[in-house]
PDB file of all heavy atoms in Angstrom:
ATOM      1  N   GLU A   1      -7.861 -25.171  14.662  1.00  0.00           N
ATOM      2  CA  GLU A   1      -8.919 -25.066  13.657  1.00  0.00           C
ATOM      3  C   GLU A   1     -10.025 -24.137  14.157  1.00  0.00           C
ATOM      4  O   GLU A   1     -10.564 -23.321  13.403  1.00  0.00           O
ATOM      5  CB  GLU A   1      -9.512 -26.442  13.347  1.00  0.00           C
ATOM      6  CG  GLU A   1      -8.639 -27.281  12.438  1.00  0.00           C
ATOM      7  CD  GLU A   1      -9.299 -28.603  12.084  1.00  0.00           C
ATOM      8  OE1 GLU A   1     -10.549 -28.637  11.995  1.00  0.00           O
ATOM      9  OE2 GLU A   1      -8.553 -29.576  11.883  1.00  0.00           O
ATOM     10  N   VAL A   2     -10.369 -24.254  15.419  1.00  0.00           N
ATOM     11  CA  VAL A   2     -11.396 -23.394  15.999  1.00  0.00           C
ATOM     12  C   VAL A   2     -10.946 -21.952  15.944  1.00  0.00           C
ATOM     13  O   VAL A   2     -11.708 -21.055  15.590  1.00  0.00           O
ATOM     14  CB  VAL A   2     -11.708 -23.826  17.452  1.00  0.00           C
ATOM     15  CG1 VAL A   2     -12.596 -22.787  18.140  1.00  0.00           C
ATOM     16  CG2 VAL A   2     -12.388 -25.190  17.463  1.00  0.00           C
ATOM     17  N   LYS A   3      -9.671 -21.697  16.259  1.00  0.00           N
ATOM     18  CA  LYS A   3      -9.131 -20.333  16.186  1.00  0.00           C
ATOM     19  C   LYS A   3      -9.226 -19.795  14.766  1.00  0.00           C
ATOM     20  O   LYS A   3      -9.612 -18.647  14.553  1.00  0.00           O
ATOM     21  CB  LYS A   3      -7.659 -20.310  16.628  1.00  0.00           C
ATOM     22  CG  LYS A   3      -7.459 -20.463  18.121  1.00  0.00           C
ATOM     23  CD  LYS A   3      -5.976 -20.436  18.433  1.00  0.00           C
ATOM     24  CE  LYS A   3      -5.696 -20.860  19.858  1.00  0.00           C
ATOM     25  NZ  LYS A   3      -4.252 -20.938  20.122  1.00  0.00           N
ATOM     26  N   LEU A   4      -8.880 -20.625  13.801  1.00  0.00           N
ATOM     27  CA  LEU A   4      -8.938 -20.205  12.399  1.00  0.00           C
ATOM     28  C   LEU A   4     -10.371 -19.931  11.965  1.00  0.00           C
ATOM     29  O   LEU A   4     -10.643 -18.950  11.261  1.00  0.00           O
ATOM     30  CB  LEU A   4      -8.300 -21.267  11.489  1.00  0.00           C
ATOM     31  CG  LEU A   4      -6.789 -21.386  11.558  1.00  0.00           C
ATOM     32  CD1 LEU A   4      -6.308 -22.589  10.755  1.00  0.00           C
ATOM     33  CD2 LEU A   4      -6.126 -20.112  11.066  1.00  0.00           C
ATOM     34  N   GLN A   5     -11.289 -20.798  12.385  1.00  0.00           N
ATOM     35  CA  GLN A   5     -12.696 -20.587  12.035  1.00  0.00           C
ATOM     36  C   GLN A   5     -13.212 -19.284  12.650  1.00  0.00           C
ATOM     37  O   GLN A   5     -13.910 -18.513  11.983  1.00  0.00           O
ATOM     38  CB  GLN A   5     -13.548 -21.768  12.533  1.00  0.00           C
ATOM     39  CG  GLN A   5     -13.377 -23.016  11.695  1.00  0.00           C
ATOM     40  CD  GLN A   5     -14.152 -24.197  12.266  1.00  0.00           C
ATOM     41  OE1 GLN A   5     -14.614 -24.156  13.410  1.00  0.00           O
ATOM     42  NE2 GLN A   5     -14.274 -25.257  11.475  1.00  0.00           N
ATOM     43  N   ASN A   6     -12.869 -19.052  13.900  1.00  0.00           N
ATOM     44  CA  ASN A   6     -13.319 -17.818  14.565  1.00  0.00           C
ATOM     45  C   ASN A   6     -12.711 -16.591  13.895  1.00  0.00           C
ATOM     46  O   ASN A   6     -13.394 -15.590  13.705  1.00  0.00           O
ATOM     47  CB  ASN A   6     -12.971 -17.852  16.054  1.00  0.00           C
ATOM     48  CG  ASN A   6     -13.829 -18.834  16.832  1.00  0.00           C
ATOM     49  OD1 ASN A   6     -14.902 -19.214  16.385  1.00  0.00           O
ATOM     50  ND2 ASN A   6     -13.353 -19.250  17.986  1.00  0.00           N
ATOM     51  N   ALA A   7     -11.436 -16.684  13.537  1.00  0.00           N
ATOM     52  CA  ALA A   7     -10.774 -15.574  12.861  1.00  0.00           C
ATOM     53  C   ALA A   7     -11.437 -15.333  11.503  1.00  0.00           C
ATOM     54  O   ALA A   7     -11.673 -14.169  11.120  1.00  0.00           O
ATOM     55  CB  ALA A   7      -9.284 -15.865  12.690  1.00  0.00           C
ATOM     56  N   SER A   8     -11.765 -16.391  10.782  1.00  0.00           N
ATOM     57  CA  SER A   8     -12.434 -16.259   9.491  1.00  0.00           C
ATOM     58  C   SER A   8     -13.800 -15.595   9.643  1.00  0.00           C
ATOM     59  O   SER A   8     -14.152 -14.701   8.874  1.00  0.00           O
ATOM     60  CB  SER A   8     -12.603 -17.635   8.827  1.00  0.00           C
ATOM     61  OG  SER A   8     -11.352 -18.172   8.525  1.00  0.00           O
ATOM     62  N   LYS A   9     -14.541 -16.025  10.651  1.00  0.00           N
ATOM     63  CA  LYS A   9     -15.864 -15.430  10.902  1.00  0.00           C
ATOM     64  C   LYS A   9     -15.715 -13.944  11.195  1.00  0.00           C
ATOM     65  O   LYS A   9     -16.493 -13.122  10.707  1.00  0.00           O
ATOM     66  CB  LYS A   9     -16.556 -16.124  12.081  1.00  0.00           C
ATOM     67  CG  LYS A   9     -17.067 -17.510  11.760  1.00  0.00           C
ATOM     68  CD  LYS A   9     -17.694 -18.143  13.001  1.00  0.00           C
ATOM     69  CE  LYS A   9     -18.073 -19.588  12.743  1.00  0.00           C
ATOM     70  NZ  LYS A   9     -18.596 -20.237  13.962  1.00  0.00           N
ATOM     71  N   GLN A  10     -14.710 -13.594  12.005  1.00  0.00           N
ATOM     72  CA  GLN A  10     -14.492 -12.191  12.384  1.00  0.00           C
ATOM     73  C   GLN A  10     -14.129 -11.364  11.149  1.00  0.00           C
ATOM     74  O   GLN A  10     -14.642 -10.257  10.970  1.00  0.00           O
ATOM     75  CB  GLN A  10     -13.353 -12.111  13.419  1.00  0.00           C
ATOM     76  CG  GLN A  10     -13.225 -10.754  14.060  1.00  0.00           C
ATOM     77  CD  GLN A  10     -14.430 -10.394  14.917  1.00  0.00           C
ATOM     78  OE1 GLN A  10     -14.885 -11.209  15.702  1.00  0.00           O
ATOM     79  NE2 GLN A  10     -14.943  -9.195  14.765  1.00  0.00           N
ATOM     80  N   ILE A  11     -13.304 -11.906  10.286  1.00  0.00           N
ATOM     81  CA  ILE A  11     -12.908 -11.206   9.061  1.00  0.00           C
ATOM     82  C   ILE A  11     -14.133 -10.971   8.184  1.00  0.00           C
ATOM     83  O   ILE A  11     -14.331  -9.869   7.658  1.00  0.00           O
ATOM     84  CB  ILE A  11     -11.826 -12.004   8.303  1.00  0.00           C
ATOM     85  CG1 ILE A  11     -10.513 -11.953   9.087  1.00  0.00           C
ATOM     86  CG2 ILE A  11     -11.648 -11.477   6.890  1.00  0.00           C
ATOM     87  CD1 ILE A  11      -9.465 -12.912   8.578  1.00  0.00           C
ATOM     88  N   VAL A  12     -14.959 -11.991   8.027  1.00  0.00           N
ATOM     89  CA  VAL A  12     -16.159 -11.869   7.199  1.00  0.00           C
ATOM     90  C   VAL A  12     -17.121 -10.838   7.800  1.00  0.00           C
ATOM     91  O   VAL A  12     -17.654  -9.985   7.095  1.00  0.00           O
ATOM     92  CB  VAL A  12     -16.859 -13.242   7.038  1.00  0.00           C
ATOM     93  CG1 VAL A  12     -18.226 -13.090   6.395  1.00  0.00           C
ATOM     94  CG2 VAL A  12     -15.983 -14.172   6.208  1.00  0.00           C
ATOM     95  N   GLN A  13     -17.318 -10.897   9.115  1.00  0.00           N
ATOM     96  CA  GLN A  13     -18.213  -9.939   9.766  1.00  0.00           C
ATOM     97  C   GLN A  13     -17.703  -8.516   9.590  1.00  0.00           C
ATOM     98  O   GLN A  13     -18.491  -7.606   9.306  1.00  0.00           O
ATOM     99  CB  GLN A  13     -18.329 -10.262  11.261  1.00  0.00           C
ATOM    100  CG  GLN A  13     -19.188 -11.483  11.537  1.00  0.00           C
ATOM    101  CD  GLN A  13     -19.227 -11.839  13.017  1.00  0.00           C
ATOM    102  OE1 GLN A  13     -18.382 -11.404  13.797  1.00  0.00           O
ATOM    103  NE2 GLN A  13     -20.194 -12.671  13.400  1.00  0.00           N
ATOM    104  N   ASN A  14     -16.396  -8.323   9.752  1.00  0.00           N
ATOM    105  CA  ASN A  14     -15.821  -6.985   9.576  1.00  0.00           C
ATOM    106  C   ASN A  14     -15.997  -6.494   8.147  1.00  0.00           C
ATOM    107  O   ASN A  14     -16.301  -5.322   7.928  1.00  0.00           O
ATOM    108  CB  ASN A  14     -14.336  -6.973   9.952  1.00  0.00           C
ATOM    109  CG  ASN A  14     -14.143  -7.062  11.459  1.00  0.00           C
ATOM    110  OD1 ASN A  14     -15.044  -6.819  12.237  1.00  0.00           O
ATOM    111  ND2 ASN A  14     -12.931  -7.414  11.863  1.00  0.00           N
ATOM    112  N   ALA A  15     -15.791  -7.384   7.183  1.00  0.00           N
ATOM    113  CA  ALA A  15     -15.938  -7.005   5.769  1.00  0.00           C
ATOM    114  C   ALA A  15     -17.381  -6.620   5.467  1.00  0.00           C
ATOM    115  O   ALA A  15     -17.649  -5.626   4.786  1.00  0.00           O
ATOM    116  CB  ALA A  15     -15.497  -8.167   4.871  1.00  0.00           C
ATOM    117  N   ILE A  16     -18.327  -7.384   5.995  1.00  0.00           N
ATOM    118  CA  ILE A  16     -19.755  -7.084   5.769  1.00  0.00           C
ATOM    119  C   ILE A  16     -20.110  -5.743   6.412  1.00  0.00           C
ATOM    120  O   ILE A  16     -20.761  -4.902   5.806  1.00  0.00           O
ATOM    121  CB  ILE A  16     -20.644  -8.216   6.322  1.00  0.00           C
ATOM    122  CG1 ILE A  16     -20.476  -9.479   5.463  1.00  0.00           C
ATOM    123  CG2 ILE A  16     -22.098  -7.785   6.379  1.00  0.00           C
ATOM    124  CD1 ILE A  16     -21.119 -10.719   6.040  1.00  0.00           C
ATOM    125  N   LEU A  17     -19.658  -5.547   7.653  1.00  0.00           N
ATOM    126  CA  LEU A  17     -19.935  -4.295   8.362  1.00  0.00           C
ATOM    127  C   LEU A  17     -19.377  -3.103   7.603  1.00  0.00           C
ATOM    128  O   LEU A  17     -20.056  -2.087   7.430  1.00  0.00           O
ATOM    129  CB  LEU A  17     -19.341  -4.374   9.773  1.00  0.00           C
ATOM    130  CG  LEU A  17     -19.635  -3.197  10.704  1.00  0.00           C
ATOM    131  CD1 LEU A  17     -21.133  -3.022  10.910  1.00  0.00           C
ATOM    132  CD2 LEU A  17     -18.944  -3.421  12.040  1.00  0.00           C
ATOM    133  N   GLN A  18     -18.150  -3.237   7.122  1.00  0.00           N
ATOM    134  CA  GLN A  18     -17.526  -2.154   6.363  1.00  0.00           C
ATOM    135  C   GLN A  18     -18.303  -1.874   5.075  1.00  0.00           C
ATOM    136  O   GLN A  18     -18.535  -0.715   4.727  1.00  0.00           O
ATOM    137  CB  GLN A  18     -16.080  -2.527   6.041  1.00  0.00           C
ATOM    138  CG  GLN A  18     -15.306  -1.424   5.382  1.00  0.00           C
ATOM    139  CD  GLN A  18     -13.854  -1.793   5.130  1.00  0.00           C
ATOM    140  OE1 GLN A  18     -13.421  -2.894   5.496  1.00  0.00           O
ATOM    141  NE2 GLN A  18     -13.109  -0.906   4.517  1.00  0.00           N
ATOM    142  N   ALA A  19     -18.733  -2.920   4.401  1.00  0.00           N
ATOM    143  CA  ALA A  19     -19.501  -2.749   3.160  1.00  0.00           C
ATOM    144  C   ALA A  19     -20.831  -2.053   3.433  1.00  0.00           C
ATOM    145  O   ALA A  19     -21.235  -1.164   2.688  1.00  0.00           O
ATOM    146  CB  ALA A  19     -19.723  -4.109   2.499  1.00  0.00           C
ATOM    147  N   VAL A  20     -21.497  -2.443   4.499  1.00  0.00           N
ATOM    148  CA  VAL A  20     -22.794  -1.838   4.847  1.00  0.00           C
ATOM    149  C   VAL A  20     -22.600  -0.364   5.173  1.00  0.00           C
ATOM    150  O   VAL A  20     -23.362   0.492   4.713  1.00  0.00           O
ATOM    151  CB  VAL A  20     -23.441  -2.569   6.051  1.00  0.00           C
ATOM    152  CG1 VAL A  20     -24.619  -1.789   6.610  1.00  0.00           C
ATOM    153  CG2 VAL A  20     -23.898  -3.956   5.614  1.00  0.00           C
ATOM    154  N   ARG A  21     -21.548  -0.041   5.939  1.00  0.00           N
ATOM    155  CA  ARG A  21     -21.270   1.369   6.266  1.00  0.00           C
ATOM    156  C   ARG A  21     -20.993   2.175   5.001  1.00  0.00           C
ATOM    157  O   ARG A  21     -21.470   3.297   4.854  1.00  0.00           O
ATOM    158  CB  ARG A  21     -20.060   1.466   7.201  1.00  0.00           C
ATOM    159  CG  ARG A  21     -20.378   1.075   8.621  1.00  0.00           C
ATOM    160  CD  ARG A  21     -19.153   1.186   9.487  1.00  0.00           C
ATOM    161  NE  ARG A  21     -19.450   0.872  10.885  1.00  0.00           N
ATOM    162  CZ  ARG A  21     -18.525   0.471  11.750  1.00  0.00           C
ATOM    163  NH1 ARG A  21     -17.278   0.344  11.391  1.00  0.00           N
ATOM    164  NH2 ARG A  21     -18.871   0.211  12.987  1.00  0.00           N
ATOM    165  N   GLN A  22     -20.228   1.585   4.093  1.00  0.00           N
ATOM    166  CA  GLN A  22     -19.875   2.293   2.855  1.00  0.00           C
ATOM    167  C   GLN A  22     -21.121   2.546   2.011  1.00  0.00           C
ATOM    168  O   GLN A  22     -21.325   3.644   1.503  1.00  0.00           O
ATOM    169  CB  GLN A  22     -18.856   1.474   2.054  1.00  0.00           C
ATOM    170  CG  GLN A  22     -18.354   2.175   0.820  1.00  0.00           C
ATOM    171  CD  GLN A  22     -17.280   1.386   0.097  1.00  0.00           C
ATOM    172  OE1 GLN A  22     -16.731   0.436   0.647  1.00  0.00           O
ATOM    173  NE2 GLN A  22     -16.999   1.757  -1.125  1.00  0.00           N
ATOM    174  N   VAL A  23     -21.964   1.544   1.869  1.00  0.00           N
ATOM    175  CA  VAL A  23     -23.191   1.692   1.077  1.00  0.00           C
ATOM    176  C   VAL A  23     -24.095   2.753   1.718  1.00  0.00           C
ATOM    177  O   VAL A  23     -24.665   3.583   1.029  1.00  0.00           O
ATOM    178  CB  VAL A  23     -23.921   0.344   0.943  1.00  0.00           C
ATOM    179  CG1 VAL A  23     -25.330   0.536   0.394  1.00  0.00           C
ATOM    180  CG2 VAL A  23     -23.121  -0.594   0.058  1.00  0.00           C
ATOM    181  N   SER A  24     -24.198   2.728   3.046  1.00  0.00           N
ATOM    182  CA  SER A  24     -25.026   3.714   3.746  1.00  0.00           C
ATOM    183  C   SER A  24     -24.498   5.124   3.513  1.00  0.00           C
ATOM    184  O   SER A  24     -25.264   6.051   3.239  1.00  0.00           O
ATOM    185  CB  SER A  24     -25.053   3.432   5.247  1.00  0.00           C
ATOM    186  OG  SER A  24     -25.656   2.193   5.495  1.00  0.00           O
ATOM    187  N   GLN A  25     -23.178   5.272   3.605  1.00  0.00           N
ATOM    188  CA  GLN A  25     -22.571   6.583   3.407  1.00  0.00           C
ATOM    189  C   GLN A  25     -22.794   7.078   1.975  1.00  0.00           C
ATOM    190  O   GLN A  25     -23.176   8.224   1.749  1.00  0.00           O
ATOM    191  CB  GLN A  25     -21.069   6.515   3.714  1.00  0.00           C
ATOM    192  CG  GLN A  25     -20.364   7.847   3.615  1.00  0.00           C
ATOM    193  CD  GLN A  25     -18.884   7.726   3.931  1.00  0.00           C
ATOM    194  OE1 GLN A  25     -18.379   6.648   4.201  1.00  0.00           O
ATOM    195  NE2 GLN A  25     -18.185   8.840   3.894  1.00  0.00           N
ATOM    196  N   GLU A  26     -22.570   6.199   1.005  1.00  0.00           N
ATOM    197  CA  GLU A  26     -22.764   6.576  -0.393  1.00  0.00           C
ATOM    198  C   GLU A  26     -24.224   6.921  -0.668  1.00  0.00           C
ATOM    199  O   GLU A  26     -24.521   7.865  -1.394  1.00  0.00           O
ATOM    200  CB  GLU A  26     -22.312   5.437  -1.317  1.00  0.00           C
ATOM    201  CG  GLU A  26     -20.807   5.259  -1.342  1.00  0.00           C
ATOM    202  CD  GLU A  26     -20.381   4.024  -2.107  1.00  0.00           C
ATOM    203  OE1 GLU A  26     -21.250   3.290  -2.621  1.00  0.00           O
ATOM    204  OE2 GLU A  26     -19.159   3.786  -2.193  1.00  0.00           O
ATOM    205  N   SER A  27     -25.126   6.188  -0.048  1.00  0.00           N
ATOM    206  CA  SER A  27     -26.554   6.445  -0.222  1.00  0.00           C
ATOM    207  C   SER A  27     -26.923   7.817   0.333  1.00  0.00           C
ATOM    208  O   SER A  27     -27.644   8.579  -0.301  1.00  0.00           O
ATOM    209  CB  SER A  27     -27.356   5.353   0.485  1.00  0.00           C
ATOM    210  OG  SER A  27     -28.718   5.563   0.313  1.00  0.00           O
ATOM    211  N   ARG A  28     -26.388   8.138   1.524  1.00  0.00           N
ATOM    212  CA  ARG A  28     -26.649   9.450   2.129  1.00  0.00           C
ATOM    213  C   ARG A  28     -26.104  10.565   1.240  1.00  0.00           C
ATOM    214  O   ARG A  28     -26.771  11.569   1.015  1.00  0.00           O
ATOM    215  CB  ARG A  28     -25.989   9.543   3.514  1.00  0.00           C
ATOM    216  CG  ARG A  28     -26.990   9.335   4.630  1.00  0.00           C
ATOM    217  CD  ARG A  28     -26.367   9.547   6.000  1.00  0.00           C
ATOM    218  NE  ARG A  28     -26.008   8.251   6.581  1.00  0.00           N
ATOM    219  CZ  ARG A  28     -24.773   7.856   6.861  1.00  0.00           C
ATOM    220  NH1 ARG A  28     -23.747   8.638   6.670  1.00  0.00           N
ATOM    221  NH2 ARG A  28     -24.565   6.657   7.364  1.00  0.00           N
ATOM    222  N   GLN A  29     -24.888  10.377   0.736  1.00  0.00           N
ATOM    223  CA  GLN A  29     -24.276  11.399  -0.127  1.00  0.00           C
ATOM    224  C   GLN A  29     -25.104  11.578  -1.397  1.00  0.00           C
ATOM    225  O   GLN A  29     -25.306  12.697  -1.871  1.00  0.00           O
ATOM    226  CB  GLN A  29     -22.843  11.008  -0.485  1.00  0.00           C
ATOM    227  CG  GLN A  29     -21.895  11.137   0.690  1.00  0.00           C
ATOM    228  CD  GLN A  29     -20.516  10.571   0.384  1.00  0.00           C
ATOM    229  OE1 GLN A  29     -20.322   9.874  -0.611  1.00  0.00           O
ATOM    230  NE2 GLN A  29     -19.559  10.850   1.248  1.00  0.00           N
ATOM    231  N   ARG A  30     -25.593  10.480  -1.964  1.00  0.00           N
ATOM    232  CA  ARG A  30     -26.396  10.544  -3.175  1.00  0.00           C
ATOM    233  C   ARG A  30     -27.683  11.318  -2.910  1.00  0.00           C
ATOM    234  O   ARG A  30     -28.100  12.140  -3.716  1.00  0.00           O
ATOM    235  CB  ARG A  30     -26.693   9.127  -3.684  1.00  0.00           C
ATOM    236  CG  ARG A  30     -27.142   9.073  -5.121  1.00  0.00           C
ATOM    237  CD  ARG A  30     -27.282   7.644  -5.644  1.00  0.00           C
ATOM    238  NE  ARG A  30     -26.037   6.899  -5.539  1.00  0.00           N
ATOM    239  CZ  ARG A  30     -25.871   5.805  -4.818  1.00  0.00           C
ATOM    240  NH1 ARG A  30     -26.868   5.295  -4.118  1.00  0.00           N
ATOM    241  NH2 ARG A  30     -24.702   5.192  -4.772  1.00  0.00           N
ATOM    242  N   GLU A  31     -28.314  11.048  -1.763  1.00  0.00           N
ATOM    243  CA  GLU A  31     -29.558  11.745  -1.404  1.00  0.00           C
ATOM    244  C   GLU A  31     -29.301  13.246  -1.266  1.00  0.00           C
ATOM    245  O   GLU A  31     -30.083  14.060  -1.735  1.00  0.00           O
ATOM    246  CB  GLU A  31     -30.123  11.197  -0.095  1.00  0.00           C
ATOM    247  CG  GLU A  31     -30.783   9.841  -0.246  1.00  0.00           C
ATOM    248  CD  GLU A  31     -31.233   9.270   1.092  1.00  0.00           C
ATOM    249  OE1 GLU A  31     -31.155   9.981   2.117  1.00  0.00           O
ATOM    250  OE2 GLU A  31     -31.659   8.100   1.117  1.00  0.00           O
ATOM    251  N   GLU A  32     -28.187  13.600  -0.625  1.00  0.00           N
ATOM    252  CA  GLU A  32     -27.852  15.017  -0.454  1.00  0.00           C
ATOM    253  C   GLU A  32     -27.623  15.670  -1.810  1.00  0.00           C
ATOM    254  O   GLU A  32     -28.084  16.776  -2.064  1.00  0.00           O
ATOM    255  CB  GLU A  32     -26.618  15.172   0.437  1.00  0.00           C
ATOM    256  CG  GLU A  32     -26.893  14.855   1.893  1.00  0.00           C
ATOM    257  CD  GLU A  32     -25.635  14.859   2.740  1.00  0.00           C
ATOM    258  OE1 GLU A  32     -24.575  15.306   2.257  1.00  0.00           O
ATOM    259  OE2 GLU A  32     -25.712  14.411   3.896  1.00  0.00           O
ATOM    260  N   ARG A  33     -26.899  14.977  -2.685  1.00  0.00           N
ATOM    261  CA  ARG A  33     -26.634  15.508  -4.033  1.00  0.00           C
ATOM    262  C   ARG A  33     -27.943  15.693  -4.794  1.00  0.00           C
ATOM    263  O   ARG A  33     -28.155  16.712  -5.436  1.00  0.00           O
ATOM    264  CB  ARG A  33     -25.727  14.544  -4.809  1.00  0.00           C
ATOM    265  CG  ARG A  33     -24.298  14.986  -4.901  1.00  0.00           C
ATOM    266  CD  ARG A  33     -23.566  14.277  -6.015  1.00  0.00           C
ATOM    267  NE  ARG A  33     -23.858  12.860  -6.138  1.00  0.00           N
ATOM    268  CZ  ARG A  33     -23.200  11.886  -5.511  1.00  0.00           C
ATOM    269  NH1 ARG A  33     -22.209  12.150  -4.719  1.00  0.00           N
ATOM    270  NH2 ARG A  33     -23.533  10.627  -5.701  1.00  0.00           N
ATOM    271  N   ASP A  34     -28.820  14.697  -4.682  1.00  0.00           N
ATOM    272  CA  ASP A  34     -30.117  14.776  -5.381  1.00  0.00           C
ATOM    273  C   ASP A  34     -30.925  15.973  -4.863  1.00  0.00           C
ATOM    274  O   ASP A  34     -31.535  16.681  -5.641  1.00  0.00           O
ATOM    275  CB  ASP A  34     -30.915  13.487  -5.193  1.00  0.00           C
ATOM    276  CG  ASP A  34     -30.330  12.329  -5.991  1.00  0.00           C
ATOM    277  OD1 ASP A  34     -29.427  12.570  -6.825  1.00  0.00           O
ATOM    278  OD2 ASP A  34     -30.779  11.188  -5.787  1.00  0.00           O
ATOM    279  N   ARG A  35     -30.922  16.165  -3.525  1.00  0.00           N
ATOM    280  CA  ARG A  35     -31.637  17.295  -2.960  1.00  0.00           C
ATOM    281  C   ARG A  35     -31.044  18.606  -3.473  1.00  0.00           C
ATOM    282  O   ARG A  35     -31.768  19.508  -3.867  1.00  0.00           O
ATOM    283  CB  ARG A  35     -31.556  17.261  -1.431  1.00  0.00           C
ATOM    284  CG  ARG A  35     -32.826  16.706  -0.815  1.00  0.00           C
ATOM    285  CD  ARG A  35     -32.828  16.841   0.698  1.00  0.00           C
ATOM    286  NE  ARG A  35     -32.505  15.534   1.266  1.00  0.00           N
ATOM    287  CZ  ARG A  35     -31.458  15.284   2.050  1.00  0.00           C
ATOM    288  NH1 ARG A  35     -30.638  16.223   2.386  1.00  0.00           N
ATOM    289  NH2 ARG A  35     -31.254  14.073   2.511  1.00  0.00           N
ATOM    290  N   ASP A  36     -29.716  18.697  -3.497  1.00  0.00           N
ATOM    291  CA  ASP A  36     -29.046  19.914  -3.984  1.00  0.00           C
ATOM    292  C   ASP A  36     -29.368  20.131  -5.455  1.00  0.00           C
ATOM    293  O   ASP A  36     -29.663  21.236  -5.872  1.00  0.00           O
ATOM    294  CB  ASP A  36     -27.529  19.805  -3.791  1.00  0.00           C
ATOM    295  CG  ASP A  36     -27.134  19.871  -2.319  1.00  0.00           C
ATOM    296  OD1 ASP A  36     -28.002  20.252  -1.485  1.00  0.00           O
ATOM    297  OD2 ASP A  36     -25.994  19.534  -2.002  1.00  0.00           O
ATOM    298  N   ASN A  37     -29.316  19.060  -6.235  1.00  0.00           N
ATOM    299  CA  ASN A  37     -29.582  19.172  -7.669  1.00  0.00           C
ATOM    300  C   ASN A  37     -31.021  19.597  -7.936  1.00  0.00           C
ATOM    301  O   ASN A  37     -31.287  20.400  -8.812  1.00  0.00           O
ATOM    302  CB  ASN A  37     -29.296  17.845  -8.392  1.00  0.00           C
ATOM    303  CG  ASN A  37     -27.811  17.576  -8.493  1.00  0.00           C
ATOM    304  OD1 ASN A  37     -26.995  18.487  -8.342  1.00  0.00           O
ATOM    305  ND2 ASN A  37     -27.458  16.338  -8.739  1.00  0.00           N
ATOM    306  N   ARG A  38     -31.951  19.063  -7.155  1.00  0.00           N
ATOM    307  CA  ARG A  38     -33.360  19.453  -7.325  1.00  0.00           C
ATOM    308  C   ARG A  38     -33.522  20.920  -7.003  1.00  0.00           C
ATOM    309  O   ARG A  38     -34.222  21.635  -7.702  1.00  0.00           O
ATOM    310  CB  ARG A  38     -34.264  18.595  -6.426  1.00  0.00           C
ATOM    311  CG  ARG A  38     -34.739  17.342  -7.126  1.00  0.00           C
ATOM    312  CD  ARG A  38     -35.800  16.629  -6.295  1.00  0.00           C
ATOM    313  NE  ARG A  38     -35.338  15.286  -6.040  1.00  0.00           N
ATOM    314  CZ  ARG A  38     -35.069  14.773  -4.850  1.00  0.00           C
ATOM    315  NH1 ARG A  38     -35.251  15.469  -3.769  1.00  0.00           N
ATOM    316  NH2 ARG A  38     -34.636  13.550  -4.725  1.00  0.00           N
ATOM    317  N   GLY A  39     -32.863  21.385  -5.941  1.00  0.00           N
ATOM    318  CA  GLY A  39     -32.940  22.792  -5.566  1.00  0.00           C
ATOM    319  C   GLY A  39     -32.376  23.669  -6.665  1.00  0.00           C
ATOM    320  O   GLY A  39     -32.991  24.662  -7.058  1.00  0.00           O
ATOM    321  N   SER A  40     -31.240  23.312  -7.210  1.00  0.00           N
ATOM    322  CA  SER A  40     -30.619  24.099  -8.281  1.00  0.00           C
ATOM    323  C   SER A  40     -31.486  24.059  -9.525  1.00  0.00           C
ATOM    324  O   SER A  40     -31.672  25.072 -10.199  1.00  0.00           O
ATOM    325  CB  SER A  40     -29.243  23.508  -8.637  1.00  0.00           C
ATOM    326  OG  SER A  40     -28.399  23.557  -7.525  1.00  0.00           O
TER     327      SER A  40
END
């Protein structure tokens, strides 16, 4: 049970980390697009 709980925690942490990275990347891309669009 402890192994399963630890594995579950690890899966959740990895999912959260991946989601945060994705949101950060999308946010950076959006900012770059906005800067380019403002320039154009």
